Amino acid sequence: MSTTPTPNERIEGVVNTHSRPSDLKITDLRMAVVCSNYDYPILRIDTNQGVYGIGEVRDAGHKENALQYKSILLGQNPCNIDMLFRAIKRYGGSGREGGGVSGIEVALWDLIGKVYGVPCYQFLGGKYRDRIRIYADTPAPAEPTPEGYVQRVLGRVAMGLTFIKIDVGMGVLRGRVPGGLAGAPTRYEYPLGRRYVAPGTAVGTQLTDAGIARFCEIVGAVREAVGWDMPLAVDHFGPLTINDAIRLGHAFEPFALAWMEDIMPWWDVEGNAQVTRAINVPTLNGEDIYLWNGWREMIERRAIDIIQPDLLTAGGMLETKRIADYAERYEMPTVLHFAGSPIAFMANLHCAAAIPSFVALENHALDLPFWKGLVTGLADPLMEEGYVRVPEAPGLGVDLDYDGIAANLRVPGLFEPTEAWNTPKLGFWQPDRRWDK
């Protein structure tokens, strides 16, 4: 009798599962919400074979964004990820409303990677690079003077970052630079604190030459402090009119910026296109755009120079890869927006590794001492010379640290049962049942 293993036996020898992948079934979806600068709703998808996958709803989203899909997932084979993604993606939306669909997609890939014993980037076609460049988000200092910005940025450089972004918003001017804004609104005109600003109401809050001059002082001081070899980007404008955005873009041209971010609202494709065509500073946008179809017009019109999907809004790892590959056809490179936990960070590393046109990955967690303690399996040191290595362990490459999560919960509940979400919330009709609610 031959002792040579068959092809199926050789494959099954490396599969990390107690039985066949074809017998896997999703049995549960549970959540834990971590308190952070932007809360992290972390999710875990369990199966009948003990293996599970982890993901998260986008930062500042809600656990319900993921739990609403539980009844669709229960009893399904997680390896049928395309079918499951198509079933739930129709219910997602832009911004945080895409977080549930995206977080589940990440958890499914993590689960499948563990089952087959391969890192997630393999499912995206393999990797183009072994290290991912990180760019530092640098919020405005308490005293937003040029000197204050320089101090903050030099602190980022001391951490080893080689790519810097600073936030320079209207708050730098309002009440601080006399004549910096014309017709600045009072707080009574924003009863929801600018959580809702009607389109077009930037009219009446125009930038003045004095305001633009202060922005240039800040950016110029930072540029001189970090040198001309360091990529430098700027963010957090608005609300701006198209004309003011163009004026500001021209004023920033001498500083050789990597990009100006979110100058116009992402949904205003025409406005973005007008600004992009008028200025000589690269424009970047898109962290709230959902799915490839949502990106299509922005890309095909080349309304911006650089796309910036957030993996936890865009639809997860594979959808973000599709978006980036489509943008590459139009010679538009990809930067990845990120402000979540180490779980989503690892998903971004895998995705960035598989994108040929990738530039840099954002990190909002540089000032959070508890951040690394939410998981096990992170490299130490995590970042070297401004880069993070692509993980090689199965799945995402990290696991949950329950103690670290429990110590930082926003609300009580460490992956507690969620049976209330086992059945659809909407009414449905079955011949042998009444109309259920």
Protein backbone atom coordinates (compact mmCIF):
# COMPACT_ATOMS: atom_id res chain seq x y z
CA MET A 1 0.00 0.00 0.00
CA SER A 2 1.34 3.45 -0.92
CA THR A 3 2.23 5.78 1.96
CA THR A 4 2.57 8.83 -0.28
CA PRO A 5 -0.02 11.42 0.81
CA THR A 6 -2.66 12.40 -1.71
CA PRO A 7 -2.97 16.05 -2.83
CA ASN A 8 -6.00 16.48 -0.55
CA GLU A 9 -4.11 15.02 2.40
CA ARG A 10 -1.16 17.36 1.79
CA ILE A 11 -3.51 20.37 1.74
CA GLU A 12 -5.38 19.26 4.86
CA GLY A 13 -2.06 18.85 6.66
CA VAL A 14 -1.59 22.63 6.76
CA VAL A 15 -5.21 23.58 7.38
CA ASN A 16 -5.62 24.88 10.91
CA THR A 17 -8.99 23.38 11.78
CA HIS A 18 -10.51 20.50 13.72
CA SER A 19 -12.50 19.38 10.68
CA ARG A 20 -13.02 20.35 7.06
CA PRO A 21 -13.44 24.04 6.12
CA SER A 22 -16.55 23.02 4.21
CA ASP A 23 -18.14 22.08 7.55
CA LEU A 24 -17.52 25.46 9.20
CA LYS A 25 -20.60 27.33 10.45
CA ILE A 26 -20.92 30.75 12.05
CA THR A 27 -22.44 30.33 15.50
CA ASP A 28 -22.17 33.76 17.11
CA LEU A 29 -21.29 37.43 16.74
CA ARG A 30 -20.26 39.30 19.89
CA MET A 31 -18.98 42.79 20.66
CA ALA A 32 -16.93 44.86 23.09
CA VAL A 33 -16.69 48.66 22.84
CA VAL A 34 -13.31 50.13 23.80
CA CYS A 35 -13.16 53.71 25.07
CA SER A 36 -10.64 55.75 23.09
CA ASN A 37 -10.15 59.06 21.30
CA TYR A 38 -12.60 57.47 18.82
CA ASP A 39 -14.33 54.47 20.41
CA TYR A 40 -13.54 51.04 18.92
CA PRO A 41 -16.50 48.63 18.63
CA ILE A 42 -14.55 45.34 18.41
CA LEU A 43 -16.32 42.25 17.06
CA ARG A 44 -15.71 38.51 17.20
CA ILE A 45 -17.29 35.95 14.86
CA ASP A 46 -17.38 32.45 16.40
CA THR A 47 -17.77 29.10 14.63
CA ASN A 48 -18.70 25.53 15.40
CA GLN A 49 -15.03 24.49 15.23
CA GLY A 50 -13.67 26.82 17.90
CA VAL A 51 -11.82 29.06 15.46
CA TYR A 52 -12.99 32.69 15.37
CA GLY A 53 -12.29 35.90 13.48
CA ILE A 54 -11.88 39.41 14.83
CA GLY A 55 -12.66 42.78 13.30
CA GLU A 56 -14.09 46.14 14.30
CA VAL A 57 -16.68 48.70 13.32
CA ARG A 58 -15.12 51.96 12.20
CA ASP A 59 -13.89 54.31 14.92
CA ALA A 60 -16.70 56.27 16.57
CA GLY A 61 -19.27 53.91 15.07
CA HIS A 62 -21.70 51.74 17.05
CA LYS A 63 -21.78 48.04 17.81
CA GLU A 64 -25.28 47.90 16.37
CA ASN A 65 -23.76 48.69 12.96
CA ALA A 66 -22.43 45.11 13.02
CA LEU A 67 -25.02 43.33 15.18
CA GLN A 68 -27.79 44.15 12.71
CA TYR A 69 -26.27 41.58 10.33
CA LYS A 70 -26.01 38.72 12.81
CA SER A 71 -29.23 37.00 11.74
CA ILE A 72 -27.94 36.86 8.15
CA LEU A 73 -24.60 35.34 9.18
CA LEU A 74 -25.72 32.66 11.63
CA GLY A 75 -25.40 29.13 10.24
CA GLN A 76 -23.44 30.28 7.19
CA ASN A 77 -20.01 29.03 6.17
CA PRO A 78 -17.59 31.95 6.71
CA CYS A 79 -15.46 30.75 3.80
CA ASN A 80 -18.22 31.88 1.43
CA ILE A 81 -17.14 35.44 2.05
CA ASP A 82 -18.16 36.91 -1.31
CA MET A 83 -21.69 35.60 -0.93
CA LEU A 84 -21.95 36.93 2.63
CA PHE A 85 -20.50 40.31 1.66
CA ARG A 86 -23.00 40.70 -1.17
CA ALA A 87 -25.84 39.80 1.21
CA ILE A 88 -25.02 42.51 3.75
CA LYS A 89 -23.37 45.31 1.75
CA ARG A 90 -26.71 46.63 0.44
CA TYR A 91 -27.61 47.75 3.98
CA GLY A 92 -24.45 49.79 4.63
CA GLY A 93 -23.77 53.42 3.84
CA SER A 94 -21.21 56.21 3.81
CA GLY A 95 -19.17 57.23 6.83
CA ARG A 96 -19.67 55.19 9.98
CA GLU A 97 -22.70 53.45 8.45
CA GLY A 98 -20.28 51.36 6.41
CA GLY A 99 -18.48 50.21 9.55
CA GLY A 100 -20.55 47.12 10.29
CA VAL A 101 -20.23 45.64 6.80
CA SER A 102 -16.53 46.47 6.67
CA GLY A 103 -15.73 45.15 10.14
CA ILE A 104 -17.48 41.85 9.43
CA GLU A 105 -15.53 41.49 6.17
CA VAL A 106 -12.28 41.93 8.09
CA ALA A 107 -13.30 39.37 10.71
CA LEU A 108 -14.24 36.84 8.03
CA TRP A 109 -10.85 37.16 6.32
CA ASP A 110 -9.13 36.82 9.69
CA LEU A 111 -11.13 33.66 10.36
CA ILE A 112 -10.41 32.16 6.93
CA GLY A 113 -6.71 32.99 7.26
CA LYS A 114 -6.57 31.11 10.55
CA VAL A 115 -8.39 28.13 9.04
CA TYR A 116 -6.00 27.83 6.11
CA GLY A 117 -2.90 28.98 7.98
CA VAL A 118 -2.01 31.95 5.75
CA PRO A 119 -1.78 35.73 6.29
CA CYS A 120 -4.65 37.82 4.94
CA TYR A 121 -2.58 39.57 2.28
CA GLN A 122 -2.43 36.26 0.39
CA PHE A 123 -6.17 36.47 -0.23
CA LEU A 124 -5.64 39.89 -1.83
CA GLY A 125 -3.19 38.59 -4.41
CA GLY A 126 0.03 38.66 -2.42
CA LYS A 127 2.20 41.56 -1.34
CA TYR A 128 4.16 44.26 -3.14
CA ARG A 129 6.16 45.27 -0.08
CA ASP A 130 7.34 43.92 3.29
CA ARG A 131 7.12 47.21 5.20
CA ILE A 132 4.35 49.82 5.36
CA ARG A 133 5.13 53.51 5.74
CA ILE A 134 3.19 55.24 8.50
CA TYR A 135 2.27 58.89 8.47
CA ALA A 136 1.62 60.71 11.70
CA ASP A 137 -1.61 62.55 12.28
CA THR A 138 -0.69 65.66 14.31
CA PRO A 139 -3.66 67.50 15.85
CA ALA A 140 -3.45 71.23 16.44
CA PRO A 141 -1.67 72.17 19.67
CA ALA A 142 -3.52 73.81 22.54
CA GLU A 143 -1.97 77.13 21.47
CA PRO A 144 -2.07 76.92 17.67
CA THR A 145 0.87 79.20 17.00
CA PRO A 146 3.63 78.39 14.51
CA GLU A 147 5.91 77.61 17.46
CA GLY A 148 3.29 75.31 19.00
CA TYR A 149 2.95 73.37 15.76
CA VAL A 150 6.71 73.01 15.41
CA GLN A 151 6.94 71.54 18.91
CA ARG A 152 4.19 69.00 18.19
CA VAL A 153 5.71 67.97 14.89
CA LEU A 154 9.23 67.59 16.25
CA GLY A 155 7.74 65.26 18.86
CA ARG A 156 6.42 63.10 16.00
CA VAL A 157 9.82 63.13 14.32
CA ALA A 158 11.40 62.00 17.61
CA MET A 159 9.10 58.96 17.53
CA GLY A 160 10.73 57.93 14.27
CA LEU A 161 8.03 59.09 11.85
CA THR A 162 9.25 60.03 8.38
CA PHE A 163 5.95 61.38 7.01
CA ILE A 164 4.00 64.14 8.80
CA LYS A 165 0.49 65.56 8.54
CA ILE A 166 -0.76 68.56 10.52
CA ASP A 167 -4.32 69.74 11.21
CA VAL A 168 -4.80 73.40 10.30
CA GLY A 169 -8.48 74.30 10.61
CA MET A 170 -10.60 77.39 11.01
CA GLY A 171 -10.29 77.08 14.79
CA VAL A 172 -6.72 78.31 14.41
CA LEU A 173 -8.13 81.63 13.21
CA ARG A 174 -11.46 82.04 14.98
CA GLY A 175 -10.98 84.36 17.97
CA ARG A 176 -7.18 84.21 17.62
CA VAL A 177 -6.29 86.08 14.43
CA PRO A 178 -8.04 89.45 14.15
CA GLY A 179 -9.53 89.75 10.71
CA GLY A 180 -8.60 86.18 9.84
CA LEU A 181 -12.16 85.34 8.89
CA ALA A 182 -14.79 87.59 7.39
CA GLY A 183 -18.28 87.14 8.77
CA ALA A 184 -17.37 84.32 11.16
CA PRO A 185 -20.61 82.78 12.49
CA THR A 186 -21.53 82.78 16.15
CA ARG A 187 -22.05 79.53 18.01
CA TYR A 188 -25.81 80.10 17.83
CA GLU A 189 -25.72 79.55 14.08
CA TYR A 190 -24.51 75.97 14.67
CA PRO A 191 -27.02 74.56 17.21
CA LEU A 192 -25.59 71.05 16.67
CA GLY A 193 -22.02 72.24 17.03
CA ARG A 194 -21.28 71.90 13.29
CA ARG A 195 -22.34 68.27 13.29
CA TYR A 196 -24.70 69.49 10.63
CA VAL A 197 -23.82 72.40 8.38
CA ALA A 198 -26.14 72.99 5.42
CA PRO A 199 -24.41 72.84 2.02
CA GLY A 200 -23.38 76.25 0.79
CA THR A 201 -23.43 77.98 4.17
CA ALA A 202 -19.67 78.47 4.05
CA VAL A 203 -20.65 81.62 2.17
CA GLY A 204 -20.36 84.41 4.69
CA THR A 205 -17.33 82.88 6.42
CA GLN A 206 -14.68 83.75 3.87
CA LEU A 207 -10.96 83.50 4.49
CA THR A 208 -9.18 86.83 4.47
CA ASP A 209 -5.62 87.52 3.40
CA ALA A 210 -4.74 87.71 7.10
CA GLY A 211 -6.19 84.24 7.69
CA ILE A 212 -4.33 82.74 4.76
CA ALA A 213 -1.14 84.44 5.93
CA ARG A 214 -1.44 82.78 9.36
CA PHE A 215 -1.94 79.36 7.75
CA CYS A 216 1.17 79.97 5.68
CA GLU A 217 3.14 81.02 8.75
CA ILE A 218 2.27 77.72 10.43
CA VAL A 219 2.96 75.52 7.41
CA GLY A 220 6.15 77.44 6.58
CA ALA A 221 7.47 77.07 10.13
CA VAL A 222 6.78 73.34 10.14
CA ARG A 223 8.36 72.91 6.72
CA GLU A 224 11.54 74.63 7.86
CA ALA A 225 11.61 72.59 11.07
CA VAL A 226 11.31 69.17 9.42
CA GLY A 227 13.30 70.01 6.31
CA TRP A 228 12.47 69.60 2.65
CA ASP A 229 13.10 65.85 2.49
CA MET A 230 10.20 65.09 4.83
CA PRO A 231 6.78 64.60 3.16
CA LEU A 232 4.34 67.08 4.76
CA ALA A 233 0.55 67.14 4.36
CA VAL A 234 -2.21 69.37 5.77
CA ASP A 235 -5.79 68.59 6.84
CA HIS A 236 -8.92 69.85 8.66
CA PHE A 237 -10.01 72.84 6.64
CA GLY A 238 -13.51 74.04 6.13
CA PRO A 239 -16.10 74.85 5.65
CA LEU A 240 -14.53 76.60 2.67
CA THR A 241 -16.01 78.00 -0.49
CA ILE A 242 -14.51 76.79 -3.76
CA ASN A 243 -12.93 80.21 -4.32
CA ASP A 244 -11.31 80.27 -0.87
CA ALA A 245 -10.06 76.71 -1.30
CA ILE A 246 -8.36 77.77 -4.53
CA ARG A 247 -6.86 80.88 -2.93
CA LEU A 248 -5.50 78.79 -0.06
CA GLY A 249 -4.15 76.14 -2.41
CA HIS A 250 -2.20 78.73 -4.38
CA ALA A 251 -0.80 80.18 -1.14
CA PHE A 252 0.47 76.75 -0.07
CA GLU A 253 2.25 76.00 -3.35
CA PRO A 254 5.70 77.22 -2.18
CA PHE A 255 5.80 74.61 0.62
CA ALA A 256 5.89 71.48 -1.60
CA LEU A 257 3.06 69.75 0.26
CA ALA A 258 2.33 66.06 -0.24
CA TRP A 259 -1.39 66.93 -0.27
CA MET A 260 -4.21 69.11 1.03
CA GLU A 261 -6.87 66.87 2.58
CA ASP A 262 -10.67 67.16 2.48
CA ILE A 263 -10.66 70.69 1.12
CA MET A 264 -14.22 70.20 -0.13
CA PRO A 265 -16.89 67.76 1.12
CA TRP A 266 -16.36 64.30 -0.37
CA TRP A 267 -19.86 64.21 -1.86
CA ASP A 268 -19.23 67.40 -3.87
CA VAL A 269 -17.41 65.76 -6.78
CA GLU A 270 -17.70 68.84 -8.98
CA GLY A 271 -16.36 71.11 -6.24
CA ASN A 272 -13.40 68.81 -5.67
CA ALA A 273 -12.73 68.72 -9.40
CA GLN A 274 -12.77 72.52 -9.70
CA VAL A 275 -10.28 72.93 -6.86
CA THR A 276 -8.02 70.12 -8.09
CA ARG A 277 -7.79 71.61 -11.57
CA ALA A 278 -7.09 75.12 -10.29
CA ILE A 279 -4.23 74.52 -7.82
CA ASN A 280 -0.77 72.98 -7.99
CA VAL A 281 -0.93 71.22 -4.61
CA PRO A 282 -2.13 67.57 -4.76
CA THR A 283 -5.64 67.08 -3.39
CA LEU A 284 -6.79 64.09 -1.33
CA ASN A 285 -10.23 62.97 -0.14
CA GLY A 286 -12.55 60.02 0.43
CA GLU A 287 -12.38 58.59 3.96
CA ASP A 288 -16.20 58.46 4.14
CA ILE A 289 -16.92 56.93 0.72
CA TYR A 290 -18.61 53.50 0.76
CA LEU A 291 -17.81 50.71 -1.72
CA TRP A 292 -16.27 50.76 -5.20
CA ASN A 293 -19.49 52.06 -6.69
CA GLY A 294 -19.39 55.05 -4.34
CA TRP A 295 -15.85 55.84 -5.49
CA ARG A 296 -16.47 55.42 -9.19
CA GLU A 297 -17.42 58.98 -10.18
CA MET A 298 -14.67 60.57 -8.07
CA ILE A 299 -12.07 58.35 -9.72
CA GLU A 300 -13.35 58.46 -13.30
CA ARG A 301 -13.53 62.26 -13.22
CA ARG A 302 -10.15 62.47 -11.49
CA ALA A 303 -11.77 64.98 -9.16
CA ILE A 304 -8.88 64.56 -6.71
CA ASP A 305 -5.22 63.63 -7.15
CA ILE A 306 -4.92 60.99 -4.41
CA ILE A 307 -7.62 58.68 -3.05
CA GLN A 308 -7.86 58.00 0.70
CA PRO A 309 -10.34 55.23 1.51
CA ASP A 310 -10.91 54.18 5.10
CA LEU A 311 -10.92 50.40 5.03
CA LEU A 312 -13.62 50.30 7.73
CA THR A 313 -15.98 52.42 5.65
CA ALA A 314 -15.02 51.39 2.12
CA GLY A 315 -16.16 47.77 2.57
CA GLY A 316 -13.19 46.00 4.10
CA MET A 317 -9.90 44.73 2.75
CA LEU A 318 -10.85 43.26 -0.61
CA GLU A 319 -13.18 46.13 -1.56
CA THR A 320 -10.47 48.66 -0.66
CA LYS A 321 -8.01 46.74 -2.82
CA ARG A 322 -10.52 46.87 -5.71
CA ILE A 323 -10.97 50.63 -5.25
CA ALA A 324 -7.22 51.23 -5.20
CA ASP A 325 -6.65 49.09 -8.29
CA TYR A 326 -9.37 50.98 -10.15
CA ALA A 327 -7.84 54.34 -9.16
CA GLU A 328 -4.46 53.11 -10.38
CA ARG A 329 -5.93 52.85 -13.90
CA TYR A 330 -6.39 56.63 -13.72
CA GLU A 331 -2.90 57.16 -12.28
CA MET A 332 -4.27 58.06 -8.85
CA PRO A 333 -2.22 56.67 -5.93
CA THR A 334 -3.70 55.45 -2.64
CA VAL A 335 -3.26 56.68 0.93
CA LEU A 336 -5.17 54.77 3.64
CA HIS A 337 -7.11 56.59 6.36
CA PHE A 338 -7.09 54.87 9.76
CA ALA A 339 -8.11 55.83 13.30
CA GLY A 340 -8.98 52.50 14.95
CA SER A 341 -7.61 49.75 17.16
CA PRO A 342 -4.66 47.42 16.46
CA ILE A 343 -7.14 45.01 14.84
CA ALA A 344 -8.02 47.39 12.02
CA PHE A 345 -4.41 48.53 11.92
CA MET A 346 -3.33 45.00 11.03
CA ALA A 347 -6.05 44.79 8.38
CA ASN A 348 -4.67 47.99 6.88
CA LEU A 349 -1.15 46.56 6.83
CA HIS A 350 -2.32 43.52 4.88
CA CYS A 351 -4.32 45.66 2.48
CA ALA A 352 -1.51 48.20 1.99
CA ALA A 353 0.91 45.39 1.23
CA ALA A 354 -1.31 44.25 -1.66
CA ILE A 355 -1.85 47.69 -3.26
CA PRO A 356 0.78 48.51 -5.90
CA SER A 357 0.05 52.27 -5.84
CA PHE A 358 0.12 52.58 -2.02
CA VAL A 359 1.80 55.65 -0.47
CA ALA A 360 1.30 55.72 3.32
CA LEU A 361 -1.00 54.62 6.16
CA GLU A 362 -2.37 57.03 8.77
CA ASN A 363 -2.10 56.34 12.51
CA HIS A 364 -4.21 58.20 15.09
CA ALA A 365 -3.01 56.11 18.07
CA LEU A 366 0.45 57.55 18.65
CA ASP A 367 -0.62 59.23 21.91
CA LEU A 368 -2.66 56.32 23.37
CA PRO A 369 -0.67 54.35 26.00
CA PHE A 370 -3.20 51.48 26.22
CA TRP A 371 -3.50 50.95 22.46
CA LYS A 372 -0.98 48.13 21.98
CA GLY A 373 -2.37 46.29 25.00
CA LEU A 374 -5.71 45.59 23.30
CA VAL A 375 -4.20 42.67 21.39
CA THR A 376 -1.42 40.11 21.54
CA GLY A 377 0.99 39.39 18.73
CA LEU A 378 2.17 42.89 17.80
CA ALA A 379 5.83 43.23 16.88
CA ASP A 380 8.09 44.92 19.44
CA PRO A 381 9.07 47.51 18.46
CA LEU A 382 6.04 47.99 16.27
CA MET A 383 7.54 50.77 14.16
CA GLU A 384 11.12 51.11 12.92
CA GLU A 385 12.35 54.11 10.95
CA GLY A 386 8.77 55.13 10.21
CA TYR A 387 7.73 51.72 8.86
CA VAL A 388 5.81 48.71 10.22
CA ARG A 389 6.46 45.18 8.97
CA VAL A 390 3.69 43.29 7.20
CA PRO A 391 2.55 40.46 9.52
CA GLU A 392 3.22 36.89 8.43
CA ALA A 393 1.11 34.99 11.00
CA PRO A 394 -2.21 33.44 9.87
CA GLY A 395 -5.17 35.77 9.46
CA LEU A 396 -4.60 39.32 10.66
CA GLY A 397 -1.69 38.16 12.79
CA VAL A 398 -2.97 39.29 16.21
CA ASP A 399 -5.42 38.03 18.81
CA LEU A 400 -7.59 39.66 21.47
CA ASP A 401 -6.08 40.58 24.83
CA TYR A 402 -9.18 40.26 26.99
CA ASP A 403 -7.58 41.90 30.03
CA GLY A 404 -6.47 44.91 28.00
CA ILE A 405 -9.91 45.29 26.45
CA ALA A 406 -11.73 44.83 29.76
CA ALA A 407 -9.65 47.59 31.34
CA ASN A 408 -10.70 50.08 28.66
CA LEU A 409 -14.39 49.41 28.02
CA ARG A 410 -16.68 52.31 27.18
CA VAL A 411 -19.73 50.44 28.48
CA PRO A 412 -19.99 47.14 30.39
CA GLY A 413 -19.97 44.06 28.20
CA LEU A 414 -16.94 41.96 27.26
CA PHE A 415 -18.16 39.88 24.31
CA GLU A 416 -21.34 39.00 26.17
CA PRO A 417 -24.19 37.02 24.52
CA THR A 418 -26.18 38.85 21.84
CA GLU A 419 -29.15 36.50 21.34
CA ALA A 420 -31.51 39.45 20.87
CA TRP A 421 -29.92 39.88 17.43
CA ASN A 422 -30.31 36.25 16.35
CA THR A 423 -33.49 36.96 14.40
CA PRO A 424 -34.31 39.79 11.99
CA LYS A 425 -35.57 42.99 13.59
CA LEU A 426 -37.95 43.79 10.75
CA GLY A 427 -41.27 42.07 10.42
CA PHE A 428 -41.38 39.04 8.14
CA TRP A 429 -44.00 36.60 6.95
CA GLN A 430 -43.88 32.83 7.11
CA PRO A 431 -46.91 30.70 6.08
CA ASP A 432 -47.08 28.92 9.42
CA ARG A 433 -46.57 32.02 11.58
CA ARG A 434 -48.23 35.31 12.27
CA TRP A 435 -46.69 38.65 11.30
CA ASP A 436 -43.77 38.97 13.74
CA LYS A 437 -42.15 42.14 14.89
